[in-house]
Amino acid sequence: MSGEFASIFVLIMIVVAIFVTLIVTVITLVAYCKITAKAGYHWALGILMIVPLGNIIFPLFLAFAHWPGQKELRQLRQRSGGTPA
């Protein structure tokens, strides 16, 4: 009886661990999609964070690339004659 209870308990714990892992993964993925959208890129680029090696290369790309929002701001500043006071 106790062996059967232990195996059921282990099975329940595995199911709970998988469920929690999926929830955390989805929340993290949504956050990365929001970050890429706010950086001026297509939101779907955030999905690269679940691709092996993409989760290493993509943050480096975001850190060192010229963001579309920054490019637009630079163009607006050039048109207006400099940086705002």
PDB file of N, CA and C in Angstrom:
ATOM      1  N   MET A   1       0.826  -1.198   0.000  1.00  0.00           N
ATOM      2  CA  MET A   1       0.000   0.000   0.000  1.00  0.00           C
ATOM      3  C   MET A   1       0.866   1.255   0.000  1.00  0.00           C
ATOM      4  N   SER A   2       1.930   1.284   0.824  1.00  0.00           N
ATOM      5  CA  SER A   2       2.741   2.499   0.894  1.00  0.00           C
ATOM      6  C   SER A   2       3.550   2.691  -0.385  1.00  0.00           C
ATOM      7  N   GLY A   3       3.929   1.609  -1.061  1.00  0.00           N
ATOM      8  CA  GLY A   3       4.638   1.719  -2.332  1.00  0.00           C
ATOM      9  C   GLY A   3       3.743   2.302  -3.404  1.00  0.00           C
ATOM     10  N   GLU A   4       2.478   1.921  -3.398  1.00  0.00           N
ATOM     11  CA  GLU A   4       1.517   2.462  -4.358  1.00  0.00           C
ATOM     12  C   GLU A   4       1.269   3.943  -4.085  1.00  0.00           C
ATOM     13  N   PHE A   5       1.181   4.314  -2.807  1.00  0.00           N
ATOM     14  CA  PHE A   5       0.977   5.715  -2.438  1.00  0.00           C
ATOM     15  C   PHE A   5       2.180   6.556  -2.860  1.00  0.00           C
ATOM     16  N   ALA A   6       3.368   6.020  -2.665  1.00  0.00           N
ATOM     17  CA  ALA A   6       4.585   6.753  -3.033  1.00  0.00           C
ATOM     18  C   ALA A   6       4.651   6.979  -4.539  1.00  0.00           C
ATOM     19  N   SER A   7       4.279   5.990  -5.326  1.00  0.00           N
ATOM     20  CA  SER A   7       4.333   6.146  -6.777  1.00  0.00           C
ATOM     21  C   SER A   7       3.282   7.145  -7.266  1.00  0.00           C
ATOM     22  N   ILE A   8       2.117   7.161  -6.637  1.00  0.00           N
ATOM     23  CA  ILE A   8       1.086   8.143  -6.991  1.00  0.00           C
ATOM     24  C   ILE A   8       1.547   9.551  -6.618  1.00  0.00           C
ATOM     25  N   PHE A   9       2.175   9.677  -5.451  1.00  0.00           N
ATOM     26  CA  PHE A   9       2.686  10.973  -5.014  1.00  0.00           C
ATOM     27  C   PHE A   9       3.756  11.497  -5.973  1.00  0.00           C
ATOM     28  N   VAL A  10       4.657  10.622  -6.391  1.00  0.00           N
ATOM     29  CA  VAL A  10       5.710  11.015  -7.333  1.00  0.00           C
ATOM     30  C   VAL A  10       5.089  11.442  -8.655  1.00  0.00           C
ATOM     31  N   LEU A  11       4.105  10.736  -9.125  1.00  0.00           N
ATOM     32  CA  LEU A  11       3.432  11.077 -10.372  1.00  0.00           C
ATOM     33  C   LEU A  11       2.755  12.453 -10.277  1.00  0.00           C
ATOM     34  N   ILE A  12       2.097  12.709  -9.164  1.00  0.00           N
ATOM     35  CA  ILE A  12       1.453  14.002  -8.955  1.00  0.00           C
ATOM     36  C   ILE A  12       2.492  15.118  -8.920  1.00  0.00           C
ATOM     37  N   MET A  13       3.606  14.892  -8.259  1.00  0.00           N
ATOM     38  CA  MET A  13       4.656  15.906  -8.182  1.00  0.00           C
ATOM     39  C   MET A  13       5.264  16.180  -9.556  1.00  0.00           C
ATOM     40  N   ILE A  14       5.411  15.165 -10.379  1.00  0.00           N
ATOM     41  CA  ILE A  14       5.932  15.354 -11.731  1.00  0.00           C
ATOM     42  C   ILE A  14       4.964  16.182 -12.562  1.00  0.00           C
ATOM     43  N   VAL A  15       3.677  15.892 -12.463  1.00  0.00           N
ATOM     44  CA  VAL A  15       2.669  16.652 -13.210  1.00  0.00           C
ATOM     45  C   VAL A  15       2.660  18.110 -12.752  1.00  0.00           C
ATOM     46  N   VAL A  16       2.744  18.359 -11.464  1.00  0.00           N
ATOM     47  CA  VAL A  16       2.769  19.725 -10.935  1.00  0.00           C
ATOM     48  C   VAL A  16       4.026  20.454 -11.418  1.00  0.00           C
ATOM     49  N   ALA A  17       5.173  19.776 -11.402  1.00  0.00           N
ATOM     50  CA  ALA A  17       6.418  20.400 -11.854  1.00  0.00           C
ATOM     51  C   ALA A  17       6.349  20.765 -13.331  1.00  0.00           C
ATOM     52  N   ILE A  18       5.778  19.895 -14.143  1.00  0.00           N
ATOM     53  CA  ILE A  18       5.628  20.187 -15.572  1.00  0.00           C
ATOM     54  C   ILE A  18       4.687  21.369 -15.764  1.00  0.00           C
ATOM     55  N   PHE A  19       3.592  21.406 -15.053  1.00  0.00           N
ATOM     56  CA  PHE A  19       2.622  22.497 -15.161  1.00  0.00           C
ATOM     57  C   PHE A  19       3.251  23.833 -14.769  1.00  0.00           C
ATOM     58  N   VAL A  20       3.974  23.869 -13.665  1.00  0.00           N
ATOM     59  CA  VAL A  20       4.618  25.102 -13.203  1.00  0.00           C
ATOM     60  C   VAL A  20       5.680  25.546 -14.215  1.00  0.00           C
ATOM     61  N   THR A  21       6.438  24.606 -14.748  1.00  0.00           N
ATOM     62  CA  THR A  21       7.452  24.931 -15.747  1.00  0.00           C
ATOM     63  C   THR A  21       6.820  25.534 -16.990  1.00  0.00           C
ATOM     64  N   LEU A  22       5.709  24.997 -17.445  1.00  0.00           N
ATOM     65  CA  LEU A  22       5.026  25.540 -18.614  1.00  0.00           C
ATOM     66  C   LEU A  22       4.508  26.954 -18.350  1.00  0.00           C
ATOM     67  N   ILE A  23       3.968  27.191 -17.177  1.00  0.00           N
ATOM     68  CA  ILE A  23       3.460  28.520 -16.835  1.00  0.00           C
ATOM     69  C   ILE A  23       4.599  29.541 -16.816  1.00  0.00           C
ATOM     70  N   VAL A  24       5.705  29.187 -16.179  1.00  0.00           N
ATOM     71  CA  VAL A  24       6.846  30.099 -16.108  1.00  0.00           C
ATOM     72  C   VAL A  24       7.404  30.364 -17.507  1.00  0.00           C
ATOM     73  N   THR A  25       7.457  29.342 -18.343  1.00  0.00           N
ATOM     74  CA  THR A  25       7.952  29.503 -19.711  1.00  0.00           C
ATOM     75  C   THR A  25       7.060  30.441 -20.511  1.00  0.00           C
ATOM     76  N   VAL A  26       5.766  30.288 -20.400  1.00  0.00           N
ATOM     77  CA  VAL A  26       4.834  31.146 -21.140  1.00  0.00           C
ATOM     78  C   VAL A  26       4.946  32.595 -20.666  1.00  0.00           C
ATOM     79  N   ILE A  27       5.018  32.813 -19.362  1.00  0.00           N
ATOM     80  CA  ILE A  27       5.143  34.172 -18.828  1.00  0.00           C
ATOM     81  C   ILE A  27       6.442  34.814 -19.301  1.00  0.00           C
ATOM     82  N   THR A  28       7.532  34.067 -19.268  1.00  0.00           N
ATOM     83  CA  THR A  28       8.821  34.577 -19.725  1.00  0.00           C
ATOM     84  C   THR A  28       8.784  34.888 -21.217  1.00  0.00           C
ATOM     85  N   LEU A  29       8.160  34.027 -21.987  1.00  0.00           N
ATOM     86  CA  LEU A  29       8.065  34.230 -23.431  1.00  0.00           C
ATOM     87  C   LEU A  29       7.253  35.484 -23.757  1.00  0.00           C
ATOM     88  N   VAL A  30       6.176  35.697 -23.048  1.00  0.00           N
ATOM     89  CA  VAL A  30       5.371  36.907 -23.252  1.00  0.00           C
ATOM     90  C   VAL A  30       6.203  38.151 -22.917  1.00  0.00           C
ATOM     91  N   ALA A  31       6.983  38.076 -21.851  1.00  0.00           N
ATOM     92  CA  ALA A  31       7.824  39.215 -21.472  1.00  0.00           C
ATOM     93  C   ALA A  31       8.853  39.517 -22.557  1.00  0.00           C
ATOM     94  N   TYR A  32       9.491  38.497 -23.105  1.00  0.00           N
ATOM     95  CA  TYR A  32      10.474  38.724 -24.159  1.00  0.00           C
ATOM     96  C   TYR A  32       9.820  39.270 -25.423  1.00  0.00           C
ATOM     97  N   CYS A  33       8.625  38.819 -25.735  1.00  0.00           N
ATOM     98  CA  CYS A  33       7.915  39.354 -26.901  1.00  0.00           C
ATOM     99  C   CYS A  33       7.579  40.829 -26.696  1.00  0.00           C
ATOM    100  N   LYS A  34       7.194  41.208 -25.485  1.00  0.00           N
ATOM    101  CA  LYS A  34       6.911  42.617 -25.189  1.00  0.00           C
ATOM    102  C   LYS A  34       8.181  43.464 -25.289  1.00  0.00           C
ATOM    103  N   ILE A  35       9.306  42.933 -24.812  1.00  0.00           N
ATOM    104  CA  ILE A  35      10.567  43.664 -24.861  1.00  0.00           C
ATOM    105  C   ILE A  35      10.978  43.927 -26.302  1.00  0.00           C
ATOM    106  N   THR A  36      10.882  42.907 -27.150  1.00  0.00           N
ATOM    107  CA  THR A  36      11.274  43.110 -28.547  1.00  0.00           C
ATOM    108  C   THR A  36      10.333  44.081 -29.248  1.00  0.00           C
ATOM    109  N   ALA A  37       9.057  44.058 -28.908  1.00  0.00           N
ATOM    110  CA  ALA A  37       8.114  45.004 -29.510  1.00  0.00           C
ATOM    111  C   ALA A  37       8.426  46.431 -29.065  1.00  0.00           C
ATOM    112  N   LYS A  38       8.751  46.627 -27.800  1.00  0.00           N
ATOM    113  CA  LYS A  38       9.075  47.957 -27.309  1.00  0.00           C
ATOM    114  C   LYS A  38      10.411  48.454 -27.842  1.00  0.00           C
ATOM    115  N   ALA A  39      11.291  47.525 -28.221  1.00  0.00           N
ATOM    116  CA  ALA A  39      12.569  47.918 -28.812  1.00  0.00           C
ATOM    117  C   ALA A  39      12.397  48.347 -30.263  1.00  0.00           C
ATOM    118  N   GLY A  40      11.223  48.096 -30.843  1.00  0.00           N
ATOM    119  CA  GLY A  40      10.955  48.509 -32.203  1.00  0.00           C
ATOM    120  C   GLY A  40      11.040  47.386 -33.216  1.00  0.00           C
ATOM    121  N   TYR A  41      11.258  46.183 -32.746  1.00  0.00           N
ATOM    122  CA  TYR A  41      11.319  45.020 -33.631  1.00  0.00           C
ATOM    123  C   TYR A  41       9.983  44.290 -33.583  1.00  0.00           C
ATOM    124  N   HIS A  42       9.812  43.340 -34.489  1.00  0.00           N
ATOM    125  CA  HIS A  42       8.582  42.552 -34.504  1.00  0.00           C
ATOM    126  C   HIS A  42       8.520  41.728 -33.219  1.00  0.00           C
ATOM    127  N   TRP A  43       7.340  41.640 -32.630  1.00  0.00           N
ATOM    128  CA  TRP A  43       7.183  40.953 -31.341  1.00  0.00           C
ATOM    129  C   TRP A  43       7.581  39.486 -31.418  1.00  0.00           C
ATOM    130  N   ALA A  44       7.453  38.866 -32.595  1.00  0.00           N
ATOM    131  CA  ALA A  44       7.729  37.435 -32.724  1.00  0.00           C
ATOM    132  C   ALA A  44       9.207  37.102 -32.558  1.00  0.00           C
ATOM    133  N   LEU A  45      10.077  38.104 -32.633  1.00  0.00           N
ATOM    134  CA  LEU A  45      11.495  37.843 -32.403  1.00  0.00           C
ATOM    135  C   LEU A  45      11.755  37.379 -30.970  1.00  0.00           C
ATOM    136  N   GLY A  46      10.851  37.682 -30.066  1.00  0.00           N
ATOM    137  CA  GLY A  46      10.989  37.221 -28.689  1.00  0.00           C
ATOM    138  C   GLY A  46      10.921  35.710 -28.568  1.00  0.00           C
ATOM    139  N   ILE A  47      10.323  35.066 -29.559  1.00  0.00           N
ATOM    140  CA  ILE A  47      10.228  33.603 -29.547  1.00  0.00           C
ATOM    141  C   ILE A  47      11.608  32.969 -29.713  1.00  0.00           C
ATOM    142  N   LEU A  48      12.563  33.730 -30.250  1.00  0.00           N
ATOM    143  CA  LEU A  48      13.919  33.209 -30.382  1.00  0.00           C
ATOM    144  C   LEU A  48      14.534  32.825 -29.038  1.00  0.00           C
ATOM    145  N   MET A  49      13.974  33.332 -27.977  1.00  0.00           N
ATOM    146  CA  MET A  49      14.531  33.026 -26.656  1.00  0.00           C
ATOM    147  C   MET A  49      14.303  31.575 -26.244  1.00  0.00           C
ATOM    148  N   ILE A  50      13.410  30.848 -26.914  1.00  0.00           N
ATOM    149  CA  ILE A  50      13.229  29.434 -26.574  1.00  0.00           C
ATOM    150  C   ILE A  50      14.010  28.533 -27.514  1.00  0.00           C
ATOM    151  N   VAL A  51      14.696  29.127 -28.498  1.00  0.00           N
ATOM    152  CA  VAL A  51      15.504  28.359 -29.438  1.00  0.00           C
ATOM    153  C   VAL A  51      16.913  28.222 -28.867  1.00  0.00           C
ATOM    154  N   PRO A  52      17.464  27.015 -28.850  1.00  0.00           N
ATOM    155  CA  PRO A  52      18.840  26.862 -28.364  1.00  0.00           C
ATOM    156  C   PRO A  52      19.803  27.741 -29.176  1.00  0.00           C
ATOM    157  N   LEU A  53      20.725  28.351 -28.505  1.00  0.00           N
ATOM    158  CA  LEU A  53      21.682  29.328 -29.013  1.00  0.00           C
ATOM    159  C   LEU A  53      21.028  30.669 -29.346  1.00  0.00           C
ATOM    160  N   GLY A  54      19.761  30.672 -29.680  1.00  0.00           N
ATOM    161  CA  GLY A  54      19.065  31.935 -29.883  1.00  0.00           C
ATOM    162  C   GLY A  54      18.972  32.707 -28.590  1.00  0.00           C
ATOM    163  N   ASN A  55      18.832  31.997 -27.481  1.00  0.00           N
ATOM    164  CA  ASN A  55      18.733  32.659 -26.182  1.00  0.00           C
ATOM    165  C   ASN A  55      20.074  33.239 -25.724  1.00  0.00           C
ATOM    166  N   ILE A  56      21.144  32.916 -26.430  1.00  0.00           N
ATOM    167  CA  ILE A  56      22.446  33.520 -26.141  1.00  0.00           C
ATOM    168  C   ILE A  56      22.727  34.653 -27.131  1.00  0.00           C
ATOM    169  N   ILE A  57      22.432  34.420 -28.395  1.00  0.00           N
ATOM    170  CA  ILE A  57      22.763  35.370 -29.446  1.00  0.00           C
ATOM    171  C   ILE A  57      21.797  36.557 -29.469  1.00  0.00           C
ATOM    172  N   PHE A  58      20.502  36.320 -29.290  1.00  0.00           N
ATOM    173  CA  PHE A  58      19.520  37.395 -29.422  1.00  0.00           C
ATOM    174  C   PHE A  58      19.692  38.510 -28.391  1.00  0.00           C
ATOM    175  N   PRO A  59      19.930  38.226 -27.097  1.00  0.00           N
ATOM    176  CA  PRO A  59      20.167  39.341 -26.164  1.00  0.00           C
ATOM    177  C   PRO A  59      21.408  40.161 -26.540  1.00  0.00           C
ATOM    178  N   LEU A  60      22.440  39.495 -27.085  1.00  0.00           N
ATOM    179  CA  LEU A  60      23.613  40.235 -27.537  1.00  0.00           C
ATOM    180  C   LEU A  60      23.264  41.130 -28.721  1.00  0.00           C
ATOM    181  N   PHE A  61      22.428  40.619 -29.618  1.00  0.00           N
ATOM    182  CA  PHE A  61      21.963  41.427 -30.736  1.00  0.00           C
ATOM    183  C   PHE A  61      21.196  42.642 -30.230  1.00  0.00           C
ATOM    184  N   LEU A  62      20.296  42.448 -29.278  1.00  0.00           N
ATOM    185  CA  LEU A  62      19.528  43.571 -28.728  1.00  0.00           C
ATOM    186  C   LEU A  62      20.423  44.586 -28.032  1.00  0.00           C
ATOM    187  N   ALA A  63      21.477  44.102 -27.402  1.00  0.00           N
ATOM    188  CA  ALA A  63      22.353  45.002 -26.665  1.00  0.00           C
ATOM    189  C   ALA A  63      23.181  45.883 -27.586  1.00  0.00           C
ATOM    190  N   PHE A  64      23.597  45.354 -28.728  1.00  0.00           N
ATOM    191  CA  PHE A  64      24.537  46.087 -29.570  1.00  0.00           C
ATOM    192  C   PHE A  64      23.948  46.612 -30.878  1.00  0.00           C
ATOM    193  N   ALA A  65      22.726  46.257 -31.223  1.00  0.00           N
ATOM    194  CA  ALA A  65      22.122  46.721 -32.470  1.00  0.00           C
ATOM    195  C   ALA A  65      21.557  48.126 -32.287  1.00  0.00           C
ATOM    196  N   HIS A  66      21.394  48.824 -33.413  1.00  0.00           N
ATOM    197  CA  HIS A  66      20.720  50.118 -33.397  1.00  0.00           C
ATOM    198  C   HIS A  66      19.223  49.855 -33.447  1.00  0.00           C
ATOM    199  N   TRP A  67      18.519  50.261 -32.414  1.00  0.00           N
ATOM    200  CA  TRP A  67      17.088  50.021 -32.339  1.00  0.00           C
ATOM    201  C   TRP A  67      16.362  50.961 -33.283  1.00  0.00           C
ATOM    202  N   PRO A  68      15.289  50.497 -33.901  1.00  0.00           N
ATOM    203  CA  PRO A  68      14.514  51.363 -34.801  1.00  0.00           C
ATOM    204  C   PRO A  68      14.012  52.636 -34.106  1.00  0.00           C
ATOM    205  N   GLY A  69      13.668  52.562 -32.864  1.00  0.00           N
ATOM    206  CA  GLY A  69      13.211  53.740 -32.132  1.00  0.00           C
ATOM    207  C   GLY A  69      14.317  54.771 -31.973  1.00  0.00           C
ATOM    208  N   GLN A  70      15.541  54.313 -31.738  1.00  0.00           N
ATOM    209  CA  GLN A  70      16.664  55.225 -31.617  1.00  0.00           C
ATOM    210  C   GLN A  70      16.983  55.869 -32.960  1.00  0.00           C
ATOM    211  N   LYS A  71      16.859  55.104 -34.031  1.00  0.00           N
ATOM    212  CA  LYS A  71      17.112  55.623 -35.365  1.00  0.00           C
ATOM    213  C   LYS A  71      16.115  56.745 -35.694  1.00  0.00           C
ATOM    214  N   GLU A  72      14.853  56.526 -35.363  1.00  0.00           N
ATOM    215  CA  GLU A  72      13.826  57.533 -35.609  1.00  0.00           C
ATOM    216  C   GLU A  72      14.079  58.788 -34.774  1.00  0.00           C
ATOM    217  N   LEU A  73      14.468  58.597 -33.526  1.00  0.00           N
ATOM    218  CA  LEU A  73      14.762  59.736 -32.657  1.00  0.00           C
ATOM    219  C   LEU A  73      15.941  60.533 -33.200  1.00  0.00           C
ATOM    220  N   ARG A  74      16.974  59.856 -33.677  1.00  0.00           N
ATOM    221  CA  ARG A  74      18.132  60.526 -34.246  1.00  0.00           C
ATOM    222  C   ARG A  74      17.727  61.350 -35.474  1.00  0.00           C
ATOM    223  N   GLN A  75      16.855  60.790 -36.319  1.00  0.00           N
ATOM    224  CA  GLN A  75      16.392  61.513 -37.501  1.00  0.00           C
ATOM    225  C   GLN A  75      15.578  62.742 -37.109  1.00  0.00           C
ATOM    226  N   LEU A  76      14.726  62.625 -36.118  1.00  0.00           N
ATOM    227  CA  LEU A  76      13.934  63.766 -35.667  1.00  0.00           C
ATOM    228  C   LEU A  76      14.822  64.869 -35.087  1.00  0.00           C
ATOM    229  N   ARG A  77      15.854  64.478 -34.358  1.00  0.00           N
ATOM    230  CA  ARG A  77      16.767  65.468 -33.792  1.00  0.00           C
ATOM    231  C   ARG A  77      17.543  66.187 -34.895  1.00  0.00           C
ATOM    232  N   GLN A  78      17.914  65.467 -35.939  1.00  0.00           N
ATOM    233  CA  GLN A  78      18.640  66.099 -37.042  1.00  0.00           C
ATOM    234  C   GLN A  78      17.749  67.095 -37.776  1.00  0.00           C
ATOM    235  N   ARG A  79      16.475  66.775 -37.930  1.00  0.00           N
ATOM    236  CA  ARG A  79      15.546  67.676 -38.594  1.00  0.00           C
ATOM    237  C   ARG A  79      15.296  68.939 -37.789  1.00  0.00           C
ATOM    238  N   SER A  80      15.267  68.793 -36.467  1.00  0.00           N
ATOM    239  CA  SER A  80      14.941  69.952 -35.629  1.00  0.00           C
ATOM    240  C   SER A  80      16.171  70.795 -35.330  1.00  0.00           C
ATOM    241  N   GLY A  81      17.341  70.312 -35.651  1.00  0.00           N
ATOM    242  CA  GLY A  81      18.552  71.112 -35.457  1.00  0.00           C
ATOM    243  C   GLY A  81      19.330  70.807 -34.199  1.00  0.00           C
ATOM    244  N   GLY A  82      19.098  69.706 -33.576  1.00  0.00           N
ATOM    245  CA  GLY A  82      19.896  69.347 -32.403  1.00  0.00           C
ATOM    246  C   GLY A  82      19.076  68.671 -31.329  1.00  0.00           C
ATOM    247  N   THR A  83      19.711  68.519 -30.176  1.00  0.00           N
ATOM    248  CA  THR A  83      19.054  67.866 -29.063  1.00  0.00           C
ATOM    249  C   THR A  83      18.130  68.853 -28.363  1.00  0.00           C
ATOM    250  N   PRO A  84      17.024  68.373 -27.831  1.00  0.00           N
ATOM    251  CA  PRO A  84      16.110  69.273 -27.112  1.00  0.00           C
ATOM    252  C   PRO A  84      16.715  69.762 -25.818  1.00  0.00           C
ATOM    253  N   ALA A  85      16.314  70.936 -25.396  1.00  0.00           N
ATOM    254  CA  ALA A  85      16.866  71.532 -24.168  1.00  0.00           C
ATOM    255  C   ALA A  85      16.276  70.910 -22.949  1.00  0.00           C
TER     256      ALA A  85
END
